[in-house]
Amino acid sequence: MIPTATERVGARAIDDIRNDFPAFAASGDARPTAYLDSAATAQRPTAVLDAERDYLEHDLAAVHRGASAATGRSTTRFEEARADLARFVGAADDREIVWAQNATDALNMVALGIADASAGIGGADASRFALQPGDEIVLTEAEHHANLLPWQRVAQRTGARLVPVKVDEQGCWSVDDLVAVLTPRTRVVAFAEISNVTGLIVPVADVVAAVRARAPQALVVLDACQSVPHRPVDFAGYDVDFAAFSGHKMLGPNGIGVLYGRAELLDALPPARTGGSTITRVTFETAEFLPAPQRFEAGTQPVSQAIGLAAAVRYLEGMGMDAVAAHEDAFAERVVEGVAGIPGVRIVGPQAGHARAGLVSVAVDGVHAHDVGQFLDDAGLVVRVGHHCAQPLHRALGLTATTRASAHVYTTAEEADRFVAALGEVRTFFGLGTGAA
């Protein structure tokens, strides 16, 4: 039985929420396009667009440079945005929030800092991060390339070894699967809280507790790109060492991401990029760096983007992240239940009756995902097709690509039903027999 639609997010009706987004303004079309690609990039509400525009029109000035009143106003707004993000993700202190270009950049900051520490850069404080040949970096087969490629580079530079946590036939893994590969040589454990392909929700606190018990010397690095925009998180409560997420997936601007790190670790980690605004003292031969977060924020900062991202945080907080999660989880449940009745369509990740986040990836027998995507696009459905920057996961599943639909606060039950109905027509359209039961 397909679940009953939830057409509210907390106290707000979906139609009211959609009115906040210019992208969903009435177009006059009898059947407007359904945007089901929020896991890649989310639409932005007017509150975010207005916040960034207001800063650019009234308070634009360099931050942390100079003594003018204009610089002071700009810096204040910039640092207030940092405080908003710290509160939103459960950081213990504002200075545990570092601005990055995106989540990929944030994860590279950690990986490159560890590689530098392993080369002797950063002195005694950084030696805690140094890796030796034979040390182990544990990753799951489900990781996005952004949480795989940087660690490949670290391994190449240090002689450390990448150790995979294998996924099952649905692309899922468990805490027990992780525990089975931990050893005294494990120095880094990196994983996503929510898979961008399967929608698997990982119990982060349980994973961290297992790592602390069996590999207490290991750093825990969390990819939170698909969790921070969609459900409550608590980085300090999780006890992770580092975490990363992007602005553009959480109703915020492009060109900004966040690196979270425990303050004592950030203060010791060598900065991946160096330059202006990061230092306390520079000679021709040497430099001494500021504490976090400034030690990582070289050059001109994404000030308007930070202010826009903080507006996105306040917008989401206004609905309540528990309500956001419940709405999006209901979307996924509705899609999974509907797709389960379509012959020749395979759901990857948790199956019907099992919890998953608000995204669903499928494979259609005999039809490449790109062709599925084109068919859906012609039907007015915007989805994501391809390997979703997760080739090892698709290889483990015996697939080259999948088709993914994903939700956010503005996604409706009618859009979920349209996706299911269109999937039921794909195989028939391509001459492969009846598409629906």
Protein backbone atom coordinates (compact mmCIF):
# COMPACT_ATOMS: atom_id res chain seq x y z
CA MET A 1 0.00 0.00 0.00
CA ILE A 2 1.40 3.39 -0.99
CA PRO A 3 1.75 5.64 2.08
CA THR A 4 -0.62 8.55 2.55
CA ALA A 5 0.83 11.80 1.27
CA THR A 6 2.12 14.33 3.79
CA GLU A 7 1.41 17.70 2.24
CA ARG A 8 2.84 19.71 5.13
CA VAL A 9 6.31 20.25 6.53
CA GLY A 10 5.73 20.87 10.20
CA ALA A 11 3.17 23.65 10.47
CA ARG A 12 3.52 24.78 6.85
CA ALA A 13 1.58 23.59 3.81
CA ILE A 14 3.60 22.53 0.77
CA ASP A 15 1.86 25.06 -1.49
CA ASP A 16 2.84 27.82 0.94
CA ILE A 17 6.44 26.61 1.01
CA ARG A 18 6.61 26.44 -2.78
CA ASN A 19 5.53 30.08 -2.94
CA ASP A 20 8.83 30.93 -1.21
CA PHE A 21 10.78 29.65 -4.23
CA PRO A 22 10.89 31.71 -7.43
CA ALA A 23 11.68 28.54 -9.40
CA PHE A 24 8.16 27.30 -8.70
CA ALA A 25 6.33 30.48 -9.62
CA ALA A 26 3.23 29.81 -11.71
CA SER A 27 4.31 29.18 -15.32
CA GLY A 28 0.90 28.73 -16.88
CA ASP A 29 1.78 25.16 -17.84
CA ALA A 30 -0.99 22.64 -17.25
CA ARG A 31 1.62 20.24 -15.88
CA PRO A 32 4.65 22.09 -14.50
CA THR A 33 8.09 20.51 -14.42
CA ALA A 34 8.78 18.43 -11.30
CA TYR A 35 12.21 19.18 -9.86
CA LEU A 36 13.49 15.89 -8.38
CA ASP A 37 17.24 16.59 -8.31
CA SER A 38 17.73 18.33 -4.99
CA ALA A 39 20.40 15.85 -3.90
CA ALA A 40 22.57 17.43 -6.60
CA THR A 41 21.53 21.07 -6.19
CA ALA A 42 18.57 22.45 -4.29
CA GLN A 43 16.43 25.40 -5.32
CA ARG A 44 16.73 28.61 -3.30
CA PRO A 45 14.01 30.49 -1.45
CA THR A 46 13.58 34.23 -1.79
CA ALA A 47 14.88 34.67 1.77
CA VAL A 48 18.29 33.36 0.68
CA LEU A 49 18.39 35.39 -2.52
CA ASP A 50 17.36 38.53 -0.62
CA ALA A 51 19.93 38.05 2.14
CA GLU A 52 22.80 37.81 -0.32
CA ARG A 53 21.49 40.72 -2.37
CA ASP A 54 20.99 42.90 0.72
CA TYR A 55 24.61 42.36 1.76
CA LEU A 56 25.92 43.14 -1.72
CA GLU A 57 23.82 46.29 -1.98
CA HIS A 58 24.42 47.70 1.50
CA ASP A 59 27.38 46.18 3.35
CA LEU A 60 29.88 44.96 0.77
CA ALA A 61 33.45 45.48 2.01
CA ALA A 62 36.55 43.43 2.76
CA VAL A 63 36.32 41.33 5.92
CA HIS A 64 39.03 41.13 8.62
CA ARG A 65 41.04 43.82 6.80
CA GLY A 66 41.30 47.47 7.73
CA ALA A 67 39.72 49.55 10.47
CA SER A 68 36.84 51.25 8.67
CA ALA A 69 33.23 51.12 9.81
CA ALA A 70 32.34 49.43 6.51
CA THR A 71 34.85 46.66 7.16
CA GLY A 72 33.46 46.26 10.66
CA ARG A 73 29.87 45.88 9.41
CA SER A 74 30.90 43.38 6.75
CA THR A 75 33.01 41.37 9.17
CA THR A 76 30.21 41.29 11.73
CA ARG A 77 27.74 39.86 9.22
CA PHE A 78 30.32 37.36 8.02
CA GLU A 79 31.05 36.07 11.51
CA GLU A 80 27.37 36.04 12.47
CA ALA A 81 26.88 33.66 9.55
CA ARG A 82 29.59 31.41 10.96
CA ALA A 83 27.78 31.38 14.32
CA ASP A 84 24.51 30.40 12.61
CA LEU A 85 26.20 27.45 10.92
CA ALA A 86 27.90 26.37 14.15
CA ARG A 87 24.55 26.30 15.95
CA PHE A 88 22.88 24.42 13.10
CA VAL A 89 25.32 21.51 13.05
CA GLY A 90 26.01 21.30 16.78
CA ALA A 91 29.56 22.65 16.82
CA ALA A 92 30.94 23.35 20.29
CA ASP A 93 32.46 26.65 19.17
CA ASP A 94 32.13 29.05 16.22
CA ARG A 95 35.77 28.60 15.33
CA GLU A 96 35.12 24.94 14.54
CA ILE A 97 33.45 26.16 11.34
CA VAL A 98 35.77 26.83 8.37
CA TRP A 99 34.50 28.25 5.09
CA ALA A 100 35.43 26.26 1.99
CA GLN A 101 34.53 26.38 -1.70
CA ASN A 102 32.32 23.31 -1.34
CA ALA A 103 32.37 19.95 0.45
CA THR A 104 34.94 18.53 -1.95
CA ASP A 105 37.25 21.39 -1.08
CA ALA A 106 36.61 20.85 2.63
CA LEU A 107 37.50 17.16 2.46
CA ASN A 108 40.63 18.00 0.50
CA MET A 109 41.63 20.44 3.26
CA VAL A 110 41.72 17.55 5.72
CA ALA A 111 43.41 15.09 3.38
CA LEU A 112 46.06 17.54 2.16
CA GLY A 113 46.73 18.68 5.73
CA ILE A 114 47.35 15.07 6.75
CA ALA A 115 49.63 14.56 3.75
CA ASP A 116 51.63 17.68 4.68
CA ALA A 117 51.87 16.57 8.30
CA SER A 118 53.15 13.22 7.09
CA ALA A 119 55.89 15.08 5.20
CA GLY A 120 56.97 16.88 8.37
CA ILE A 121 55.16 20.16 7.69
CA GLY A 122 53.51 21.80 10.68
CA GLY A 123 55.99 20.80 13.33
CA ALA A 124 55.36 18.87 16.51
CA ASP A 125 51.69 19.88 16.76
CA ALA A 126 50.97 18.36 13.34
CA SER A 127 52.81 15.12 14.01
CA ARG A 128 49.64 13.59 15.45
CA PHE A 129 48.31 13.42 11.87
CA ALA A 130 51.39 11.83 10.28
CA LEU A 131 50.87 8.59 8.39
CA GLN A 132 53.50 5.95 7.78
CA PRO A 133 53.78 3.22 5.13
CA GLY A 134 51.42 0.43 6.10
CA ASP A 135 49.00 2.65 8.04
CA GLU A 136 45.39 2.17 6.96
CA ILE A 137 42.71 4.54 5.66
CA VAL A 138 39.30 2.86 5.90
CA LEU A 139 36.61 3.90 3.42
CA THR A 140 33.37 2.29 2.32
CA GLU A 141 32.73 1.21 -1.25
CA ALA A 142 29.73 3.55 -1.21
CA GLU A 143 31.72 6.78 -0.97
CA HIS A 144 31.28 9.73 -3.30
CA HIS A 145 34.47 10.40 -5.24
CA ALA A 146 34.95 13.54 -3.12
CA ASN A 147 35.51 11.27 -0.12
CA LEU A 148 37.65 8.78 -2.05
CA LEU A 149 40.03 10.57 -4.41
CA PRO A 150 41.61 12.81 -1.74
CA TRP A 151 42.42 9.71 0.32
CA GLN A 152 43.88 7.97 -2.72
CA ARG A 153 46.27 10.91 -3.01
CA VAL A 154 47.16 10.72 0.68
CA ALA A 155 47.90 7.02 0.31
CA GLN A 156 50.10 7.67 -2.71
CA ARG A 157 52.07 10.33 -0.86
CA THR A 158 52.48 8.50 2.44
CA GLY A 159 52.51 4.79 1.65
CA ALA A 160 49.34 4.26 3.64
CA ARG A 161 46.89 1.64 2.42
CA LEU A 162 43.24 2.11 1.46
CA VAL A 163 41.00 -0.50 3.10
CA PRO A 164 37.46 -0.93 1.74
CA VAL A 165 34.32 -1.67 3.72
CA LYS A 166 32.39 -3.87 1.31
CA VAL A 167 28.73 -3.23 0.48
CA ASP A 168 26.04 -5.90 0.08
CA GLU A 169 23.96 -6.63 -3.02
CA GLN A 170 21.83 -3.55 -2.31
CA GLY A 171 24.83 -1.25 -1.87
CA CYS A 172 24.48 -1.06 1.93
CA TRP A 173 26.96 -1.64 4.76
CA SER A 174 26.70 -1.96 8.53
CA VAL A 175 28.65 -1.06 11.65
CA ASP A 176 29.68 -4.72 11.91
CA ASP A 177 31.07 -4.58 8.37
CA LEU A 178 33.21 -1.63 9.38
CA VAL A 179 34.37 -3.19 12.64
CA ALA A 180 35.55 -6.26 10.74
CA VAL A 181 38.24 -4.24 8.91
CA LEU A 182 39.51 -2.07 11.79
CA THR A 183 43.03 -2.87 13.01
CA PRO A 184 45.72 -1.25 15.17
CA ARG A 185 47.06 0.32 11.94
CA THR A 186 43.77 2.13 11.16
CA ARG A 187 44.50 5.87 11.21
CA VAL A 188 41.57 7.37 9.26
CA VAL A 189 37.95 6.25 8.90
CA ALA A 190 35.92 8.25 6.35
CA PHE A 191 32.28 7.67 5.40
CA ALA A 192 29.05 9.42 4.39
CA GLU A 193 26.21 9.80 6.85
CA ILE A 194 23.79 9.30 3.95
CA SER A 195 24.73 7.69 0.64
CA ASN A 196 23.97 9.90 -2.33
CA VAL A 197 23.08 6.76 -4.33
CA THR A 198 21.34 4.35 -1.96
CA GLY A 199 19.84 6.70 0.60
CA LEU A 200 21.26 4.51 3.39
CA ILE A 201 21.21 6.38 6.71
CA VAL A 202 24.29 5.52 8.76
CA PRO A 203 24.07 5.60 12.59
CA VAL A 204 27.03 7.94 12.97
CA ALA A 205 27.30 7.86 16.74
CA ASP A 206 27.37 4.05 16.69
CA VAL A 207 30.08 4.03 14.03
CA VAL A 208 32.19 6.51 15.96
CA ALA A 209 31.78 4.56 19.20
CA ALA A 210 32.96 1.41 17.41
CA VAL A 211 35.99 3.21 15.98
CA ARG A 212 36.91 4.73 19.34
CA ALA A 213 36.70 1.30 20.97
CA ARG A 214 38.69 -0.63 18.39
CA ALA A 215 40.93 1.95 16.71
CA PRO A 216 41.21 4.84 19.19
CA GLN A 217 44.12 6.30 17.26
CA ALA A 218 41.96 6.85 14.14
CA LEU A 219 40.51 10.13 12.92
CA VAL A 220 36.84 9.99 11.91
CA VAL A 221 35.91 12.08 8.85
CA LEU A 222 32.23 12.48 7.96
CA ASP A 223 30.75 13.38 4.57
CA ALA A 224 27.55 15.14 5.66
CA CYS A 225 26.48 16.49 2.27
CA GLN A 226 23.24 14.52 2.15
CA SER A 227 22.41 14.79 5.85
CA VAL A 228 22.90 18.42 6.91
CA PRO A 229 20.33 19.75 4.40
CA HIS A 230 17.70 17.17 5.28
CA ARG A 231 17.71 16.09 8.93
CA PRO A 232 19.03 17.10 12.37
CA VAL A 233 22.76 16.61 12.90
CA ASP A 234 24.99 17.08 15.93
CA PHE A 235 28.67 16.91 15.04
CA ALA A 236 29.90 17.40 18.59
CA GLY A 237 27.39 14.83 19.85
CA TYR A 238 28.48 12.41 17.15
CA ASP A 239 32.10 12.85 18.33
CA VAL A 240 33.41 13.01 14.75
CA ASP A 241 36.77 14.70 14.24
CA PHE A 242 35.97 16.38 10.92
CA ALA A 243 32.87 16.79 8.75
CA ALA A 244 32.08 18.48 5.45
CA PHE A 245 28.99 19.72 3.62
CA SER A 246 28.00 22.09 0.81
CA GLY A 247 25.79 25.16 0.65
CA HIS A 248 24.13 24.49 -2.69
CA LYS A 249 22.47 21.29 -1.48
CA MET A 250 20.79 23.02 1.49
CA LEU A 251 18.89 25.83 -0.26
CA GLY A 252 22.00 28.04 -0.17
CA PRO A 253 24.41 29.57 -2.69
CA ASN A 254 26.92 27.85 -4.90
CA GLY A 255 30.60 28.43 -4.23
CA ILE A 256 30.55 27.81 -0.49
CA GLY A 257 30.96 24.76 1.70
CA VAL A 258 31.84 24.09 5.32
CA LEU A 259 34.58 22.13 7.02
CA TYR A 260 33.80 21.28 10.64
CA GLY A 261 36.64 20.18 12.87
CA ARG A 262 37.26 19.84 16.56
CA ALA A 263 39.08 23.02 17.55
CA GLU A 264 42.21 21.36 18.92
CA LEU A 265 42.58 19.37 15.70
CA LEU A 266 42.03 22.35 13.42
CA ASP A 267 44.63 24.36 15.36
CA ALA A 268 47.20 21.61 14.71
CA LEU A 269 46.34 20.66 11.12
CA PRO A 270 48.60 22.26 8.48
CA PRO A 271 46.54 24.54 6.20
CA ALA A 272 46.16 23.16 2.68
CA ARG A 273 46.23 26.67 1.18
CA THR A 274 48.33 29.53 2.45
CA GLY A 275 48.32 33.27 1.86
CA GLY A 276 46.82 36.48 3.13
CA SER A 277 44.78 36.60 6.34
CA THR A 278 46.05 33.23 7.63
CA ILE A 279 49.21 34.30 9.46
CA THR A 280 50.54 35.92 12.62
CA ARG A 281 54.13 36.49 11.48
CA VAL A 282 55.92 36.14 8.15
CA THR A 283 59.60 36.40 7.31
CA PHE A 284 61.11 35.81 3.89
CA GLU A 285 61.78 32.18 4.84
CA THR A 286 59.04 31.25 7.33
CA ALA A 287 55.45 31.84 8.39
CA GLU A 288 53.46 31.29 11.56
CA PHE A 289 49.73 30.68 11.25
CA LEU A 290 46.69 31.89 13.12
CA PRO A 291 44.46 29.50 15.07
CA ALA A 292 41.40 28.07 13.34
CA PRO A 293 39.37 29.02 11.45
CA GLN A 294 41.43 31.87 9.96
CA ARG A 295 44.48 29.64 9.35
CA PHE A 296 42.44 27.86 6.64
CA GLU A 297 40.76 30.88 5.06
CA ALA A 298 43.39 32.30 2.75
CA GLY A 299 42.55 35.12 0.39
CA THR A 300 39.26 36.86 -0.30
CA GLN A 301 36.40 35.01 1.34
CA PRO A 302 32.93 34.04 0.01
CA VAL A 303 31.23 36.63 2.19
CA SER A 304 27.91 37.06 0.39
CA GLN A 305 27.68 33.29 -0.01
CA ALA A 306 28.21 32.78 3.74
CA ILE A 307 25.45 35.27 4.48
CA GLY A 308 23.14 33.53 2.01
CA LEU A 309 23.96 30.15 3.56
CA ALA A 310 23.12 31.46 7.02
CA ALA A 311 19.76 32.62 5.65
CA ALA A 312 19.18 29.07 4.37
CA VAL A 313 19.93 27.75 7.86
CA ARG A 314 17.38 30.10 9.41
CA TYR A 315 14.81 29.13 6.78
CA LEU A 316 15.25 25.42 7.52
CA GLU A 317 15.25 26.01 11.27
CA GLY A 318 11.94 27.80 10.87
CA MET A 319 10.35 24.55 9.68
CA GLY A 320 12.27 22.30 12.05
CA MET A 321 14.69 19.68 10.82
CA ASP A 322 12.69 16.82 12.28
CA ALA A 323 9.75 17.95 10.15
CA VAL A 324 11.97 18.30 7.09
CA ALA A 325 13.29 14.76 7.56
CA ALA A 326 9.81 13.31 8.07
CA HIS A 327 8.53 14.94 4.88
CA GLU A 328 11.42 13.76 2.73
CA ASP A 329 11.47 10.26 4.22
CA ALA A 330 7.77 9.98 3.35
CA PHE A 331 8.62 10.91 -0.26
CA ALA A 332 11.16 8.10 -0.44
CA GLU A 333 8.77 5.59 1.15
CA ARG A 334 6.07 6.56 -1.33
CA VAL A 335 8.41 6.15 -4.31
CA VAL A 336 9.88 2.85 -3.10
CA GLU A 337 6.43 1.35 -2.48
CA GLY A 338 5.28 2.48 -5.92
CA VAL A 339 8.36 1.33 -7.81
CA ALA A 340 8.29 -2.08 -6.09
CA GLY A 341 5.25 -2.92 -8.21
CA ILE A 342 6.92 -2.21 -11.57
CA PRO A 343 8.47 -5.25 -13.28
CA GLY A 344 11.98 -4.74 -14.61
CA VAL A 345 12.81 -1.81 -12.31
CA ARG A 346 15.39 -2.43 -9.59
CA ILE A 347 15.65 -0.25 -6.50
CA VAL A 348 19.13 0.07 -5.06
CA GLY A 349 19.68 0.65 -1.37
CA PRO A 350 17.21 -0.10 1.43
CA GLN A 351 14.12 -1.87 0.17
CA ALA A 352 10.45 -1.33 1.03
CA GLY A 353 9.86 -1.33 4.76
CA HIS A 354 13.38 -0.19 5.62
CA ALA A 355 14.38 3.37 6.53
CA ARG A 356 16.09 5.51 3.93
CA ALA A 357 16.64 9.20 3.28
CA GLY A 358 14.66 11.21 0.75
CA LEU A 359 16.29 9.91 -2.43
CA VAL A 360 15.72 6.82 -4.53
CA SER A 361 17.97 5.40 -7.27
CA VAL A 362 16.75 2.77 -9.72
CA ALA A 363 18.01 0.69 -12.63
CA VAL A 364 15.65 -0.22 -15.48
CA ASP A 365 16.33 -3.58 -17.12
CA GLY A 366 17.41 -3.18 -20.74
CA VAL A 367 17.40 0.63 -20.73
CA HIS A 368 20.46 2.77 -20.00
CA ALA A 369 19.99 5.36 -17.27
CA HIS A 370 20.66 8.18 -19.73
CA ASP A 371 17.76 7.01 -21.90
CA VAL A 372 15.57 6.70 -18.82
CA GLY A 373 16.51 10.25 -17.89
CA GLN A 374 15.64 11.56 -21.35
CA PHE A 375 12.26 9.83 -21.23
CA LEU A 376 11.56 11.33 -17.80
CA ASP A 377 12.73 14.75 -18.94
CA ASP A 378 10.25 14.62 -21.82
CA ALA A 379 7.61 13.82 -19.21
CA GLY A 380 8.52 16.95 -17.25
CA LEU A 381 10.59 15.27 -14.53
CA VAL A 382 14.06 16.58 -13.64
CA VAL A 383 16.15 13.72 -12.22
CA ARG A 384 19.82 12.77 -12.01
CA VAL A 385 21.33 10.01 -14.15
CA GLY A 386 24.80 8.47 -14.26
CA HIS A 387 27.12 7.05 -11.64
CA HIS A 388 26.55 10.00 -9.27
CA CYS A 389 30.30 10.31 -8.64
CA ALA A 390 30.26 6.84 -7.09
CA GLN A 391 31.75 4.47 -9.64
CA PRO A 392 33.07 1.88 -7.14
CA LEU A 393 29.58 1.54 -5.65
CA HIS A 394 27.96 1.07 -9.05
CA ARG A 395 30.65 -1.44 -9.98
CA ALA A 396 29.89 -3.39 -6.79
CA LEU A 397 26.21 -3.37 -7.77
CA GLY A 398 26.98 -4.62 -11.28
CA LEU A 399 25.69 -1.38 -12.79
CA THR A 400 27.19 1.37 -14.91
CA ALA A 401 24.60 3.99 -13.98
CA THR A 402 21.32 4.60 -12.18
CA THR A 403 18.46 7.09 -12.27
CA ARG A 404 17.90 9.06 -9.07
CA ALA A 405 14.96 11.08 -7.80
CA SER A 406 15.49 13.20 -4.70
CA ALA A 407 13.35 15.46 -2.56
CA HIS A 408 13.53 18.60 -0.48
CA VAL A 409 11.05 20.66 1.50
CA TYR A 410 9.19 21.77 -1.64
CA THR A 411 8.68 18.30 -3.15
CA THR A 412 5.07 17.09 -3.38
CA ALA A 413 3.41 13.68 -3.21
CA GLU A 414 2.00 14.33 -6.68
CA GLU A 415 5.56 14.66 -8.00
CA ALA A 416 6.49 11.35 -6.38
CA ASP A 417 3.52 9.71 -8.05
CA ARG A 418 4.41 11.22 -11.42
CA PHE A 419 7.91 9.77 -11.14
CA VAL A 420 6.56 6.31 -10.33
CA ALA A 421 3.98 6.44 -13.13
CA ALA A 422 6.57 7.54 -15.70
CA LEU A 423 8.98 4.78 -14.65
CA GLY A 424 6.18 2.31 -15.26
CA GLU A 425 6.06 3.40 -18.91
CA VAL A 426 9.79 3.34 -19.70
CA ARG A 427 10.25 -0.29 -20.75
CA THR A 428 7.10 -0.25 -22.88
CA PHE A 429 8.27 2.91 -24.64
CA PHE A 430 11.56 1.22 -25.52
CA GLY A 431 9.79 -1.91 -26.78
CA LEU A 432 10.72 -4.17 -23.87
CA GLY A 433 7.27 -5.35 -22.87
CA THR A 434 4.74 -4.28 -20.28
CA GLY A 435 6.16 -1.78 -17.84
CA ALA A 436 3.60 -1.99 -15.07
CA ALA A 437 2.00 -4.83 -13.16
